[in-house]
Amino acid sequence: MANQTDISDFILLGFPGIAEKFHTPVSIALFLVYIISLFANGTVIALITCNHHLYQPMYLVIVNLAISDLLFDTVTLPKIIAKYWFDDGGISFAGCIFQLFCAHFLGAFDSYILLLMAIDRYVAICKPLRYTSIITNRRIMMLCCFFWFFTAIIGLIIALLDSNVPLCGQNGIKSCFCTNTAVLSMACTDVTSLRRMIFGIAMFVLLLPLTFILFSYGVIIKVVITQTHAESRRRAFYTCTTHLGVIGLYFVPRIFVYVANQVNLILNVDLNVLILCFYTFVPHMANPIIYCLRTVEIRRTLKNLIKRRILMKTLRLPTVRTITH
């Protein structure tokens, strides 16, 4: 405790081990990730909220996922982009704790929203005749509101626990945004018990939804195999594999990183940051495409919207007058 200092701000280091010549490509990649996520998730939110015929349970779940992903990227990415473009990597203690809160809050929310989507698909495929009575807009909205509240409590608990840890030494955050691991690495006291507590919370947030998701998709695949129509079976398998790919990308690296930190497995700093960015930001770009923009109804809505825009522009064109001499 003799070396304890009052750390009032932090410096986001991003990828601390890479050479300066790679800073521009890294910043451009992060910027493109943010723009793609902003456009894809913004398009999904606008399409669903502005078209009443899309007010269906599945699309209500998707719009909540898109809002969560958009909020996460907006809280985290602009600051690390500013660090590389304008050498402005400073973030206040309160700002860092807020980022940490959002990361755990919205990350946990995504876990339970993916669980809700898996339940929706399970009922739609395995119990199609009871789908409209089991899955209703009202129940979906109530569950989404509960998950927003429940996961916000989880994020708040982790943020409060970390904010009360005495910090000392360097104030550099070896990551693209503030995380629990990065903050606790600067602790002046033994935080083993706190790490174990947060690890337990993380496993509850990750493993519980993942277990139900894998079970539901296992049953779905079993039902699909029994279908006699080859084309229906092929489409269902393709949908399941793409969904499971995104789910695996979200859950597996997260569980690996938490377990690695718990058993003190030493990873290269830049590799650790790369894994963090990979399982955090890539799903945010993929979710709108996999879960929404690939569906027939969304494509039809987009096509009709584009046709209306073209028609309106055509009607606004000035009439060409022929002048005879």
C-alpha atoms as a PDB file:
ATOM      1  CA  MET A   1       0.000   0.000   0.000  1.00  0.00           C
ATOM      2  CA  ALA A   2       3.021   2.287   0.304  1.00  0.00           C
ATOM      3  CA  ASN A   3       3.114   2.759  -3.478  1.00  0.00           C
ATOM      4  CA  GLN A   4      -0.600   3.573  -3.721  1.00  0.00           C
ATOM      5  CA  THR A   5      -1.402   6.633  -5.824  1.00  0.00           C
ATOM      6  CA  ASP A   6      -4.620   8.481  -6.465  1.00  0.00           C
ATOM      7  CA  ILE A   7      -5.258   7.630 -10.104  1.00  0.00           C
ATOM      8  CA  SER A   8      -7.754  10.164 -11.452  1.00  0.00           C
ATOM      9  CA  ASP A   9      -7.489   9.251 -15.133  1.00  0.00           C
ATOM     10  CA  PHE A  10      -6.290   6.497 -17.438  1.00  0.00           C
ATOM     11  CA  ILE A  11      -4.635   6.215 -20.825  1.00  0.00           C
ATOM     12  CA  LEU A  12      -6.073   3.772 -23.357  1.00  0.00           C
ATOM     13  CA  LEU A  13      -3.107   2.028 -24.994  1.00  0.00           C
ATOM     14  CA  GLY A  14      -5.027  -0.045 -27.559  1.00  0.00           C
ATOM     15  CA  PHE A  15      -2.450  -2.492 -28.959  1.00  0.00           C
ATOM     16  CA  PRO A  16       0.597  -1.447 -26.886  1.00  0.00           C
ATOM     17  CA  GLY A  17       3.079  -3.810 -28.533  1.00  0.00           C
ATOM     18  CA  ILE A  18       2.617  -2.983 -32.203  1.00  0.00           C
ATOM     19  CA  ALA A  19       4.961  -0.666 -34.098  1.00  0.00           C
ATOM     20  CA  GLU A  20       3.867   2.901 -34.805  1.00  0.00           C
ATOM     21  CA  LYS A  21       3.709   2.240 -38.552  1.00  0.00           C
ATOM     22  CA  PHE A  22       0.752  -0.087 -37.910  1.00  0.00           C
ATOM     23  CA  HIS A  23      -1.237   2.505 -35.944  1.00  0.00           C
ATOM     24  CA  THR A  24      -2.892   3.916 -39.082  1.00  0.00           C
ATOM     25  CA  PRO A  25      -4.104   0.529 -40.438  1.00  0.00           C
ATOM     26  CA  VAL A  26      -5.378  -0.422 -36.967  1.00  0.00           C
ATOM     27  CA  SER A  27      -7.253   2.866 -36.578  1.00  0.00           C
ATOM     28  CA  ILE A  28      -8.765   2.579 -40.068  1.00  0.00           C
ATOM     29  CA  ALA A  29      -9.873  -0.996 -39.310  1.00  0.00           C
ATOM     30  CA  LEU A  30     -11.522   0.123 -36.059  1.00  0.00           C
ATOM     31  CA  PHE A  31     -13.180   3.046 -37.839  1.00  0.00           C
ATOM     32  CA  LEU A  32     -14.560   0.764 -40.568  1.00  0.00           C
ATOM     33  CA  VAL A  33     -15.833  -1.655 -37.931  1.00  0.00           C
ATOM     34  CA  TYR A  34     -17.694   1.197 -36.241  1.00  0.00           C
ATOM     35  CA  ILE A  35     -19.139   2.563 -39.508  1.00  0.00           C
ATOM     36  CA  ILE A  36     -20.309  -0.888 -40.648  1.00  0.00           C
ATOM     37  CA  SER A  37     -21.850  -1.618 -37.245  1.00  0.00           C
ATOM     38  CA  LEU A  38     -23.479   1.830 -37.162  1.00  0.00           C
ATOM     39  CA  PHE A  39     -24.941   1.419 -40.645  1.00  0.00           C
ATOM     40  CA  ALA A  40     -26.034  -2.230 -40.289  1.00  0.00           C
ATOM     41  CA  ASN A  41     -27.572  -1.922 -36.828  1.00  0.00           C
ATOM     42  CA  GLY A  42     -29.031   1.514 -37.600  1.00  0.00           C
ATOM     43  CA  THR A  43     -30.675   0.101 -40.742  1.00  0.00           C
ATOM     44  CA  VAL A  44     -32.176  -2.771 -38.767  1.00  0.00           C
ATOM     45  CA  ILE A  45     -33.532  -0.435 -36.068  1.00  0.00           C
ATOM     46  CA  ALA A  46     -35.000   1.969 -38.643  1.00  0.00           C
ATOM     47  CA  LEU A  47     -36.573  -0.792 -40.759  1.00  0.00           C
ATOM     48  CA  ILE A  48     -38.257  -2.542 -37.840  1.00  0.00           C
ATOM     49  CA  THR A  49     -39.435   0.556 -35.969  1.00  0.00           C
ATOM     50  CA  CYS A  50     -40.787   2.278 -39.109  1.00  0.00           C
ATOM     51  CA  ASN A  51     -42.661  -0.724 -40.555  1.00  0.00           C
ATOM     52  CA  HIS A  52     -45.599  -1.902 -38.455  1.00  0.00           C
ATOM     53  CA  HIS A  53     -45.869  -5.228 -40.291  1.00  0.00           C
ATOM     54  CA  LEU A  54     -42.465  -6.107 -38.775  1.00  0.00           C
ATOM     55  CA  TYR A  55     -43.795  -5.764 -35.226  1.00  0.00           C
ATOM     56  CA  GLN A  56     -43.385  -9.491 -34.682  1.00  0.00           C
ATOM     57  CA  PRO A  57     -41.708 -11.287 -31.744  1.00  0.00           C
ATOM     58  CA  MET A  58     -38.544 -12.283 -33.610  1.00  0.00           C
ATOM     59  CA  TYR A  59     -37.962  -8.795 -35.006  1.00  0.00           C
ATOM     60  CA  LEU A  60     -38.624  -7.186 -31.620  1.00  0.00           C
ATOM     61  CA  VAL A  61     -35.838  -9.352 -30.195  1.00  0.00           C
ATOM     62  CA  ILE A  62     -33.546  -8.414 -33.091  1.00  0.00           C
ATOM     63  CA  VAL A  63     -34.140  -4.676 -32.638  1.00  0.00           C
ATOM     64  CA  ASN A  64     -33.189  -4.976 -28.958  1.00  0.00           C
ATOM     65  CA  LEU A  65     -29.986  -6.784 -29.955  1.00  0.00           C
ATOM     66  CA  ALA A  66     -29.214  -4.076 -32.529  1.00  0.00           C
ATOM     67  CA  ILE A  67     -29.748  -1.291 -29.969  1.00  0.00           C
ATOM     68  CA  SER A  68     -27.445  -3.053 -27.502  1.00  0.00           C
ATOM     69  CA  ASP A  69     -24.680  -3.570 -30.083  1.00  0.00           C
ATOM     70  CA  LEU A  70     -24.948   0.012 -31.315  1.00  0.00           C
ATOM     71  CA  LEU A  71     -24.717   1.390 -27.770  1.00  0.00           C
ATOM     72  CA  PHE A  72     -21.706  -0.809 -26.972  1.00  0.00           C
ATOM     73  CA  ASP A  73     -19.772   0.285 -30.072  1.00  0.00           C
ATOM     74  CA  THR A  74     -20.664   3.965 -29.552  1.00  0.00           C
ATOM     75  CA  VAL A  75     -19.431   3.904 -25.958  1.00  0.00           C
ATOM     76  CA  THR A  76     -16.139   2.151 -26.758  1.00  0.00           C
ATOM     77  CA  LEU A  77     -14.910   2.660 -30.337  1.00  0.00           C
ATOM     78  CA  PRO A  78     -14.850   6.480 -30.798  1.00  0.00           C
ATOM     79  CA  LYS A  79     -12.453   6.905 -27.874  1.00  0.00           C
ATOM     80  CA  ILE A  80      -9.884   4.364 -29.088  1.00  0.00           C
ATOM     81  CA  ILE A  81     -10.141   5.762 -32.638  1.00  0.00           C
ATOM     82  CA  ALA A  82      -9.435   9.237 -31.217  1.00  0.00           C
ATOM     83  CA  LYS A  83      -6.391   7.775 -29.460  1.00  0.00           C
ATOM     84  CA  TYR A  84      -4.872   6.647 -32.766  1.00  0.00           C
ATOM     85  CA  TRP A  85      -5.970   9.632 -34.885  1.00  0.00           C
ATOM     86  CA  PHE A  86      -5.521  12.548 -32.485  1.00  0.00           C
ATOM     87  CA  ASP A  87      -3.300  11.006 -29.789  1.00  0.00           C
ATOM     88  CA  ASP A  88      -6.192  11.521 -27.374  1.00  0.00           C
ATOM     89  CA  GLY A  89      -6.232   8.288 -25.381  1.00  0.00           C
ATOM     90  CA  GLY A  90      -6.968   9.876 -22.016  1.00  0.00           C
ATOM     91  CA  ILE A  91     -10.109   8.842 -20.176  1.00  0.00           C
ATOM     92  CA  SER A  92     -11.224   9.919 -16.719  1.00  0.00           C
ATOM     93  CA  PHE A  93     -11.675   7.468 -13.870  1.00  0.00           C
ATOM     94  CA  ALA A  94     -15.455   7.982 -14.028  1.00  0.00           C
ATOM     95  CA  GLY A  95     -15.412   7.540 -17.800  1.00  0.00           C
ATOM     96  CA  CYS A  96     -13.409   4.330 -17.490  1.00  0.00           C
ATOM     97  CA  ILE A  97     -15.799   2.902 -14.894  1.00  0.00           C
ATOM     98  CA  PHE A  98     -18.725   3.886 -17.141  1.00  0.00           C
ATOM     99  CA  GLN A  99     -17.130   2.029 -20.080  1.00  0.00           C
ATOM    100  CA  LEU A 100     -16.549  -0.965 -17.817  1.00  0.00           C
ATOM    101  CA  PHE A 101     -20.189  -0.854 -16.681  1.00  0.00           C
ATOM    102  CA  CYS A 102     -21.462  -0.685 -20.282  1.00  0.00           C
ATOM    103  CA  ALA A 103     -19.152  -3.488 -21.408  1.00  0.00           C
ATOM    104  CA  HIS A 104     -20.452  -5.926 -18.774  1.00  0.00           C
ATOM    105  CA  PHE A 105     -24.034  -4.656 -18.889  1.00  0.00           C
ATOM    106  CA  LEU A 106     -24.447  -4.819 -22.684  1.00  0.00           C
ATOM    107  CA  GLY A 107     -22.281  -7.928 -23.029  1.00  0.00           C
ATOM    108  CA  ALA A 108     -24.500  -9.771 -20.545  1.00  0.00           C
ATOM    109  CA  PHE A 109     -27.612  -8.425 -22.271  1.00  0.00           C
ATOM    110  CA  ASP A 110     -26.448  -9.889 -25.592  1.00  0.00           C
ATOM    111  CA  SER A 111     -26.057 -13.298 -23.929  1.00  0.00           C
ATOM    112  CA  TYR A 112     -29.652 -13.371 -22.770  1.00  0.00           C
ATOM    113  CA  ILE A 113     -31.014 -11.888 -26.004  1.00  0.00           C
ATOM    114  CA  LEU A 114     -29.277 -14.671 -27.960  1.00  0.00           C
ATOM    115  CA  LEU A 115     -30.936 -17.104 -25.541  1.00  0.00           C
ATOM    116  CA  LEU A 116     -34.322 -15.504 -26.249  1.00  0.00           C
ATOM    117  CA  MET A 117     -33.737 -15.788 -29.990  1.00  0.00           C
ATOM    118  CA  ALA A 118     -32.869 -19.479 -29.625  1.00  0.00           C
ATOM    119  CA  ILE A 119     -36.082 -20.051 -27.647  1.00  0.00           C
ATOM    120  CA  ASP A 120     -38.072 -18.279 -30.377  1.00  0.00           C
ATOM    121  CA  ARG A 121     -36.554 -20.531 -33.073  1.00  0.00           C
ATOM    122  CA  TYR A 122     -37.119 -23.631 -30.914  1.00  0.00           C
ATOM    123  CA  VAL A 123     -40.831 -22.901 -30.490  1.00  0.00           C
ATOM    124  CA  ALA A 124     -41.234 -21.881 -34.157  1.00  0.00           C
ATOM    125  CA  ILE A 125     -39.707 -25.110 -35.490  1.00  0.00           C
ATOM    126  CA  CYS A 126     -40.530 -27.679 -32.805  1.00  0.00           C
ATOM    127  CA  LYS A 127     -43.971 -26.415 -31.738  1.00  0.00           C
ATOM    128  CA  PRO A 128     -45.234 -24.424 -34.758  1.00  0.00           C
ATOM    129  CA  LEU A 129     -48.947 -24.867 -33.980  1.00  0.00           C
ATOM    130  CA  ARG A 130     -48.510 -23.308 -30.522  1.00  0.00           C
ATOM    131  CA  TYR A 131     -46.083 -20.570 -31.585  1.00  0.00           C
ATOM    132  CA  THR A 132     -48.588 -17.701 -31.668  1.00  0.00           C
ATOM    133  CA  SER A 133     -49.960 -18.626 -28.239  1.00  0.00           C
ATOM    134  CA  ILE A 134     -46.542 -19.095 -26.583  1.00  0.00           C
ATOM    135  CA  ILE A 135     -44.496 -16.353 -28.255  1.00  0.00           C
ATOM    136  CA  THR A 136     -46.388 -13.054 -28.224  1.00  0.00           C
ATOM    137  CA  ASN A 137     -45.234  -9.460 -28.628  1.00  0.00           C
ATOM    138  CA  ARG A 138     -46.234  -8.656 -25.061  1.00  0.00           C
ATOM    139  CA  ARG A 139     -44.261 -11.540 -23.551  1.00  0.00           C
ATOM    140  CA  ILE A 140     -41.221 -10.767 -25.680  1.00  0.00           C
ATOM    141  CA  MET A 141     -41.231  -7.097 -24.672  1.00  0.00           C
ATOM    142  CA  MET A 142     -41.643  -8.011 -21.005  1.00  0.00           C
ATOM    143  CA  LEU A 143     -38.695 -10.425 -21.214  1.00  0.00           C
ATOM    144  CA  CYS A 144     -36.551  -7.863 -23.041  1.00  0.00           C
ATOM    145  CA  CYS A 145     -37.334  -5.211 -20.412  1.00  0.00           C
ATOM    146  CA  PHE A 146     -36.490  -7.693 -17.659  1.00  0.00           C
ATOM    147  CA  PHE A 147     -33.152  -8.546 -19.320  1.00  0.00           C
ATOM    148  CA  TRP A 148     -32.299  -4.841 -19.695  1.00  0.00           C
ATOM    149  CA  PHE A 149     -32.917  -4.346 -15.979  1.00  0.00           C
ATOM    150  CA  PHE A 150     -31.303  -7.603 -14.820  1.00  0.00           C
ATOM    151  CA  THR A 151     -28.100  -7.189 -16.846  1.00  0.00           C
ATOM    152  CA  ALA A 152     -27.834  -3.515 -15.846  1.00  0.00           C
ATOM    153  CA  ILE A 153     -27.746  -4.690 -12.225  1.00  0.00           C
ATOM    154  CA  ILE A 154     -24.955  -7.141 -13.104  1.00  0.00           C
ATOM    155  CA  GLY A 155     -22.941  -4.396 -14.820  1.00  0.00           C
ATOM    156  CA  LEU A 156     -23.541  -2.025 -11.905  1.00  0.00           C
ATOM    157  CA  ILE A 157     -22.341  -4.579  -9.337  1.00  0.00           C
ATOM    158  CA  ILE A 158     -19.109  -5.208 -11.254  1.00  0.00           C
ATOM    159  CA  ALA A 159     -18.531  -1.474 -11.790  1.00  0.00           C
ATOM    160  CA  LEU A 160     -19.059  -0.678  -8.093  1.00  0.00           C
ATOM    161  CA  LEU A 161     -16.761  -3.504  -6.994  1.00  0.00           C
ATOM    162  CA  ASP A 162     -13.981  -2.338  -9.331  1.00  0.00           C
ATOM    163  CA  SER A 163     -14.408   1.350  -8.500  1.00  0.00           C
ATOM    164  CA  ASN A 164     -13.668   0.681  -4.813  1.00  0.00           C
ATOM    165  CA  VAL A 165     -10.374  -1.142  -5.465  1.00  0.00           C
ATOM    166  CA  PRO A 166      -7.287   0.958  -4.502  1.00  0.00           C
ATOM    167  CA  LEU A 167      -5.111   1.454  -7.573  1.00  0.00           C
ATOM    168  CA  CYS A 168      -1.433   2.273  -7.916  1.00  0.00           C
ATOM    169  CA  GLY A 169       1.396   2.210 -10.419  1.00  0.00           C
ATOM    170  CA  GLN A 170       0.949   2.884 -14.135  1.00  0.00           C
ATOM    171  CA  ASN A 171      -2.400   4.144 -15.373  1.00  0.00           C
ATOM    172  CA  GLY A 172      -2.207   2.635 -18.855  1.00  0.00           C
ATOM    173  CA  ILE A 173      -5.148   0.468 -19.949  1.00  0.00           C
ATOM    174  CA  LYS A 174      -3.745  -2.268 -22.217  1.00  0.00           C
ATOM    175  CA  SER A 175      -6.930  -2.600 -24.205  1.00  0.00           C
ATOM    176  CA  CYS A 176      -9.194  -0.711 -26.604  1.00  0.00           C
ATOM    177  CA  PHE A 177     -11.622   0.088 -23.787  1.00  0.00           C
ATOM    178  CA  CYS A 178     -11.801  -0.266 -20.027  1.00  0.00           C
ATOM    179  CA  THR A 179     -12.386  -3.815 -18.822  1.00  0.00           C
ATOM    180  CA  ASN A 180     -12.531  -5.469 -15.435  1.00  0.00           C
ATOM    181  CA  THR A 181      -9.266  -7.322 -16.092  1.00  0.00           C
ATOM    182  CA  ALA A 182      -7.416  -4.145 -17.098  1.00  0.00           C
ATOM    183  CA  VAL A 183      -8.547  -2.191 -14.044  1.00  0.00           C
ATOM    184  CA  LEU A 184      -7.858  -4.975 -11.543  1.00  0.00           C
ATOM    185  CA  SER A 185      -4.345  -5.429 -12.971  1.00  0.00           C
ATOM    186  CA  MET A 186      -3.487  -2.060 -11.365  1.00  0.00           C
ATOM    187  CA  ALA A 187      -4.808  -2.992  -7.915  1.00  0.00           C
ATOM    188  CA  CYS A 188      -2.569  -2.302  -4.900  1.00  0.00           C
ATOM    189  CA  THR A 189      -4.152  -5.063  -2.823  1.00  0.00           C
ATOM    190  CA  ASP A 190      -4.819  -8.755  -3.283  1.00  0.00           C
ATOM    191  CA  VAL A 191      -7.936  -9.012  -5.464  1.00  0.00           C
ATOM    192  CA  THR A 192      -8.003 -12.802  -5.820  1.00  0.00           C
ATOM    193  CA  SER A 193     -11.368 -13.124  -4.101  1.00  0.00           C
ATOM    194  CA  LEU A 194     -12.808 -10.313  -6.207  1.00  0.00           C
ATOM    195  CA  ARG A 195     -11.526 -11.950  -9.397  1.00  0.00           C
ATOM    196  CA  ARG A 196     -13.166 -15.218  -8.381  1.00  0.00           C
ATOM    197  CA  MET A 197     -16.443 -13.470  -7.630  1.00  0.00           C
ATOM    198  CA  ILE A 198     -16.519 -11.721 -10.997  1.00  0.00           C
ATOM    199  CA  PHE A 199     -15.463 -14.961 -12.710  1.00  0.00           C
ATOM    200  CA  GLY A 200     -18.472 -16.661 -11.090  1.00  0.00           C
ATOM    201  CA  ILE A 201     -20.769 -13.876 -12.317  1.00  0.00           C
ATOM    202  CA  ALA A 202     -19.295 -14.159 -15.829  1.00  0.00           C
ATOM    203  CA  MET A 203     -19.794 -17.918 -15.939  1.00  0.00           C
ATOM    204  CA  PHE A 204     -23.392 -17.481 -14.790  1.00  0.00           C
ATOM    205  CA  VAL A 205     -23.947 -14.890 -17.536  1.00  0.00           C
ATOM    206  CA  LEU A 206     -22.276 -17.019 -20.233  1.00  0.00           C
ATOM    207  CA  LEU A 207     -22.752 -20.691 -19.408  1.00  0.00           C
ATOM    208  CA  LEU A 208     -26.424 -20.594 -18.398  1.00  0.00           C
ATOM    209  CA  PRO A 209     -27.649 -19.065 -21.689  1.00  0.00           C
ATOM    210  CA  LEU A 210     -25.148 -21.106 -23.721  1.00  0.00           C
ATOM    211  CA  THR A 211     -26.439 -24.381 -22.216  1.00  0.00           C
ATOM    212  CA  PHE A 212     -30.044 -23.587 -23.164  1.00  0.00           C
ATOM    213  CA  ILE A 213     -28.993 -22.307 -26.604  1.00  0.00           C
ATOM    214  CA  LEU A 214     -27.083 -25.499 -27.428  1.00  0.00           C
ATOM    215  CA  PHE A 215     -29.949 -27.635 -26.120  1.00  0.00           C
ATOM    216  CA  SER A 216     -32.536 -25.751 -28.214  1.00  0.00           C
ATOM    217  CA  TYR A 217     -30.461 -25.933 -31.404  1.00  0.00           C
ATOM    218  CA  GLY A 218     -29.755 -29.605 -30.748  1.00  0.00           C
ATOM    219  CA  VAL A 219     -33.492 -30.287 -30.641  1.00  0.00           C
ATOM    220  CA  ILE A 220     -34.041 -28.088 -33.705  1.00  0.00           C
ATOM    221  CA  ILE A 221     -31.438 -30.038 -35.706  1.00  0.00           C
ATOM    222  CA  LYS A 222     -33.016 -33.311 -34.602  1.00  0.00           C
ATOM    223  CA  VAL A 223     -36.422 -32.122 -35.825  1.00  0.00           C
ATOM    224  CA  VAL A 224     -34.944 -30.833 -39.102  1.00  0.00           C
ATOM    225  CA  ILE A 225     -33.333 -34.220 -39.827  1.00  0.00           C
ATOM    226  CA  THR A 226     -36.774 -35.847 -39.768  1.00  0.00           C
ATOM    227  CA  GLN A 227     -38.089 -33.500 -42.473  1.00  0.00           C
ATOM    228  CA  THR A 228     -38.648 -35.247 -45.779  1.00  0.00           C
ATOM    229  CA  HIS A 229     -38.319 -32.207 -48.029  1.00  0.00           C
ATOM    230  CA  ALA A 230     -34.635 -31.891 -48.983  1.00  0.00           C
ATOM    231  CA  GLU A 231     -34.783 -28.156 -49.781  1.00  0.00           C
ATOM    232  CA  SER A 232     -36.408 -27.323 -46.430  1.00  0.00           C
ATOM    233  CA  ARG A 233     -33.823 -29.462 -44.660  1.00  0.00           C
ATOM    234  CA  ARG A 234     -30.971 -27.711 -46.489  1.00  0.00           C
ATOM    235  CA  ARG A 235     -32.263 -24.204 -45.674  1.00  0.00           C
ATOM    236  CA  ALA A 236     -32.828 -25.096 -42.030  1.00  0.00           C
ATOM    237  CA  PHE A 237     -29.327 -26.562 -41.694  1.00  0.00           C
ATOM    238  CA  TYR A 238     -27.801 -23.484 -43.318  1.00  0.00           C
ATOM    239  CA  THR A 239     -29.693 -21.185 -40.963  1.00  0.00           C
ATOM    240  CA  CYS A 240     -28.733 -23.231 -37.898  1.00  0.00           C
ATOM    241  CA  THR A 241     -25.049 -23.389 -38.827  1.00  0.00           C
ATOM    242  CA  THR A 242     -24.807 -19.630 -39.449  1.00  0.00           C
ATOM    243  CA  HIS A 243     -26.595 -18.879 -36.181  1.00  0.00           C
ATOM    244  CA  LEU A 244     -24.370 -21.301 -34.270  1.00  0.00           C
ATOM    245  CA  GLY A 245     -21.313 -19.742 -35.913  1.00  0.00           C
ATOM    246  CA  VAL A 246     -22.175 -16.290 -34.557  1.00  0.00           C
ATOM    247  CA  ILE A 247     -23.108 -17.766 -31.173  1.00  0.00           C
ATOM    248  CA  GLY A 248     -19.812 -19.653 -31.002  1.00  0.00           C
ATOM    249  CA  LEU A 249     -17.906 -16.507 -31.955  1.00  0.00           C
ATOM    250  CA  TYR A 250     -19.622 -14.675 -29.109  1.00  0.00           C
ATOM    251  CA  PHE A 251     -19.377 -17.257 -26.317  1.00  0.00           C
ATOM    252  CA  VAL A 252     -16.283 -19.436 -26.897  1.00  0.00           C
ATOM    253  CA  PRO A 253     -13.552 -16.727 -26.926  1.00  0.00           C
ATOM    254  CA  ARG A 254     -15.164 -14.991 -23.935  1.00  0.00           C
ATOM    255  CA  ILE A 255     -15.166 -18.174 -21.867  1.00  0.00           C
ATOM    256  CA  PHE A 256     -11.566 -18.900 -22.925  1.00  0.00           C
ATOM    257  CA  VAL A 257     -10.355 -15.429 -21.877  1.00  0.00           C
ATOM    258  CA  TYR A 258     -12.130 -15.594 -18.500  1.00  0.00           C
ATOM    259  CA  VAL A 259     -10.751 -19.064 -17.777  1.00  0.00           C
ATOM    260  CA  ALA A 260      -7.253 -18.038 -18.928  1.00  0.00           C
ATOM    261  CA  ASN A 261      -7.267 -15.047 -16.572  1.00  0.00           C
ATOM    262  CA  GLN A 262      -8.544 -17.202 -13.724  1.00  0.00           C
ATOM    263  CA  VAL A 263      -5.788 -19.832 -14.087  1.00  0.00           C
ATOM    264  CA  ASN A 264      -3.140 -17.124 -14.707  1.00  0.00           C
ATOM    265  CA  LEU A 265      -2.454 -18.292 -18.252  1.00  0.00           C
ATOM    266  CA  ILE A 266      -0.165 -15.603 -19.671  1.00  0.00           C
ATOM    267  CA  LEU A 267      -1.158 -14.426 -23.143  1.00  0.00           C
ATOM    268  CA  ASN A 268       0.640 -11.935 -25.344  1.00  0.00           C
ATOM    269  CA  VAL A 269      -0.844  -8.498 -24.598  1.00  0.00           C
ATOM    270  CA  ASP A 270      -1.608  -7.665 -28.225  1.00  0.00           C
ATOM    271  CA  LEU A 271      -3.058 -11.136 -28.825  1.00  0.00           C
ATOM    272  CA  ASN A 272      -5.293 -10.668 -25.805  1.00  0.00           C
ATOM    273  CA  VAL A 273      -6.525  -7.303 -27.137  1.00  0.00           C
ATOM    274  CA  LEU A 274      -7.054  -8.821 -30.606  1.00  0.00           C
ATOM    275  CA  ILE A 275      -9.163 -11.644 -29.159  1.00  0.00           C
ATOM    276  CA  LEU A 276     -11.140  -9.072 -27.149  1.00  0.00           C
ATOM    277  CA  CYS A 277     -11.866  -6.997 -30.269  1.00  0.00           C
ATOM    278  CA  PHE A 278     -12.631 -10.107 -32.319  1.00  0.00           C
ATOM    279  CA  TYR A 279     -15.304 -11.538 -30.029  1.00  0.00           C
ATOM    280  CA  THR A 280     -16.704  -8.109 -29.178  1.00  0.00           C
ATOM    281  CA  PHE A 281     -16.981  -6.139 -32.416  1.00  0.00           C
ATOM    282  CA  VAL A 282     -17.206  -8.791 -35.149  1.00  0.00           C
ATOM    283  CA  PRO A 283     -20.530 -10.218 -33.845  1.00  0.00           C
ATOM    284  CA  HIS A 284     -21.914  -6.665 -33.715  1.00  0.00           C
ATOM    285  CA  MET A 285     -21.329  -6.381 -37.477  1.00  0.00           C
ATOM    286  CA  ALA A 286     -22.514  -9.925 -38.210  1.00  0.00           C
ATOM    287  CA  ASN A 287     -25.689  -9.977 -36.085  1.00  0.00           C
ATOM    288  CA  PRO A 288     -27.776  -7.650 -38.314  1.00  0.00           C
ATOM    289  CA  ILE A 289     -26.819  -9.609 -41.437  1.00  0.00           C
ATOM    290  CA  ILE A 290     -27.213 -13.118 -40.005  1.00  0.00           C
ATOM    291  CA  TYR A 291     -30.361 -12.572 -37.964  1.00  0.00           C
ATOM    292  CA  CYS A 292     -32.191  -9.882 -39.895  1.00  0.00           C
ATOM    293  CA  LEU A 293     -30.994  -8.710 -43.315  1.00  0.00           C
ATOM    294  CA  ARG A 294     -30.902 -12.300 -44.651  1.00  0.00           C
ATOM    295  CA  THR A 295     -34.577 -12.932 -43.912  1.00  0.00           C
ATOM    296  CA  VAL A 296     -37.054 -12.885 -46.802  1.00  0.00           C
ATOM    297  CA  GLU A 297     -39.406 -10.388 -45.149  1.00  0.00           C
ATOM    298  CA  ILE A 298     -36.651  -7.866 -44.425  1.00  0.00           C
ATOM    299  CA  ARG A 299     -35.287  -8.168 -47.972  1.00  0.00           C
ATOM    300  CA  ARG A 300     -38.787  -7.656 -49.349  1.00  0.00           C
ATOM    301  CA  THR A 301     -39.269  -4.581 -47.147  1.00  0.00           C
ATOM    302  CA  LEU A 302     -35.925  -3.150 -48.289  1.00  0.00           C
ATOM    303  CA  LYS A 303     -36.768  -3.829 -51.941  1.00  0.00           C
ATOM    304  CA  ASN A 304     -40.167  -2.111 -51.628  1.00  0.00           C
ATOM    305  CA  LEU A 305     -38.549   0.841 -49.864  1.00  0.00           C
ATOM    306  CA  ILE A 306     -35.950   1.237 -52.624  1.00  0.00           C
ATOM    307  CA  LYS A 307     -38.645   0.965 -55.305  1.00  0.00           C
ATOM    308  CA  ARG A 308     -40.713   3.688 -53.586  1.00  0.00           C
ATOM    309  CA  ARG A 309     -37.644   5.947 -53.357  1.00  0.00           C
ATOM    310  CA  ILE A 310     -36.860   5.461 -57.054  1.00  0.00           C
ATOM    311  CA  LEU A 311     -40.496   6.092 -57.987  1.00  0.00           C
ATOM    312  CA  MET A 312     -40.632   9.288 -55.905  1.00  0.00           C
ATOM    313  CA  LYS A 313     -37.431  10.573 -57.503  1.00  0.00           C
ATOM    314  CA  THR A 314     -38.815   9.746 -60.955  1.00  0.00           C
ATOM    315  CA  LEU A 315     -42.031  11.660 -60.255  1.00  0.00           C
ATOM    316  CA  ARG A 316     -40.024  14.680 -59.084  1.00  0.00           C
ATOM    317  CA  LEU A 317     -38.021  14.917 -62.341  1.00  0.00           C
ATOM    318  CA  PRO A 318     -38.819  18.147 -64.231  1.00  0.00           C
ATOM    319  CA  THR A 319     -40.807  17.807 -67.441  1.00  0.00           C
ATOM    320  CA  VAL A 320     -38.688  18.336 -70.565  1.00  0.00           C
ATOM    321  CA  ARG A 321     -40.304  20.893 -72.871  1.00  0.00           C
ATOM    322  CA  THR A 322     -39.815  20.705 -76.602  1.00  0.00           C
ATOM    323  CA  ILE A 323     -39.388  24.147 -78.142  1.00  0.00           C
ATOM    324  CA  THR A 324     -40.094  24.464 -81.835  1.00  0.00           C
ATOM    325  CA  HIS A 325     -38.771  27.286 -83.914  1.00  0.00           C
END
